Amino acid sequence: MRVLRAARELLTRERGPVLEDFPDDAPGGPAEDDEAWACPLPLPVPASPATGEEAFARQLLAEVGR
């Protein structure tokens, strides 16, 4: 509720834009530096590098959508 009150007070200012720090930190504390991020999408494993005709065929199939 304090956040909403502080935001409402910013709207009552005569001049703007207003950039003001909120005195409290976000709940949960600071983020861990060793915390790993992960992609939420299941991406396919990239194929081994191909040369010549194989590479061209893969690119063509990927572009056309099979």
Protein backbone atom coordinates (compact mmCIF):
# COMPACT_ATOMS: atom_id res chain seq x y z
CA MET A 1 0.00 0.00 0.00
CA ARG A 2 2.93 2.31 0.67
CA VAL A 3 4.09 1.92 -2.91
CA LEU A 4 0.70 2.99 -4.26
CA ARG A 5 0.61 6.01 -1.97
CA ALA A 6 4.09 7.05 -3.06
CA ALA A 7 3.12 6.64 -6.72
CA ARG A 8 -0.01 8.71 -6.21
CA GLU A 9 2.04 11.46 -4.58
CA LEU A 10 4.26 11.58 -7.66
CA LEU A 11 1.20 12.27 -9.80
CA THR A 12 0.32 15.33 -7.73
CA ARG A 13 3.61 17.09 -8.54
CA GLU A 14 3.25 20.33 -10.47
CA ARG A 15 6.26 19.71 -12.71
CA GLY A 16 7.63 16.56 -14.22
CA PRO A 17 8.92 14.16 -15.14
CA VAL A 18 9.82 13.10 -11.63
CA LEU A 19 12.45 10.50 -10.86
CA GLU A 20 12.52 9.63 -7.19
CA ASP A 21 13.83 6.60 -5.30
CA PHE A 22 11.49 4.57 -3.12
CA PRO A 23 13.12 4.16 0.30
CA ASP A 24 12.43 0.41 0.67
CA ASP A 25 14.17 -2.44 -1.14
CA ALA A 26 12.26 -5.09 -3.04
CA PRO A 27 11.30 -8.14 -0.97
CA GLY A 28 13.48 -11.21 -1.25
CA GLY A 29 16.83 -9.49 -0.88
CA PRO A 30 19.49 -9.05 -3.51
CA ALA A 31 19.79 -11.58 -6.30
CA GLU A 32 22.56 -14.13 -6.02
CA ASP A 33 25.43 -13.59 -8.45
CA ASP A 34 25.85 -17.32 -8.98
CA GLU A 35 22.18 -17.83 -9.80
CA ALA A 36 21.95 -19.34 -13.27
CA TRP A 37 19.39 -18.19 -15.80
CA ALA A 38 17.74 -20.72 -18.07
CA CYS A 39 15.74 -20.35 -21.25
CA PRO A 40 12.13 -21.46 -20.69
CA LEU A 41 11.75 -22.61 -24.30
CA PRO A 42 12.74 -26.13 -25.33
CA LEU A 43 15.12 -25.30 -28.17
CA PRO A 44 16.41 -28.03 -30.49
CA VAL A 45 20.04 -29.07 -30.23
CA PRO A 46 22.00 -27.49 -33.08
CA ALA A 47 23.11 -29.92 -35.76
CA SER A 48 26.76 -30.64 -36.31
CA PRO A 49 28.43 -28.28 -38.74
CA ALA A 50 28.00 -29.46 -42.31
CA THR A 51 29.77 -28.42 -45.45
CA GLY A 52 28.77 -28.01 -49.05
CA GLU A 53 25.56 -29.65 -50.20
CA GLU A 54 24.48 -30.81 -46.71
CA ALA A 55 24.61 -27.27 -45.35
CA PHE A 56 22.70 -25.93 -48.33
CA ALA A 57 20.03 -28.65 -48.00
CA ARG A 58 19.58 -27.92 -44.28
CA GLN A 59 19.28 -24.20 -44.86
CA LEU A 60 16.79 -24.75 -47.67
CA LEU A 61 14.63 -27.08 -45.57
CA ALA A 62 14.74 -24.67 -42.64
CA GLU A 63 13.67 -21.77 -44.87
CA VAL A 64 10.88 -23.62 -46.64
CA GLY A 65 9.58 -25.08 -43.41
CA ARG A 66 9.74 -28.68 -44.61
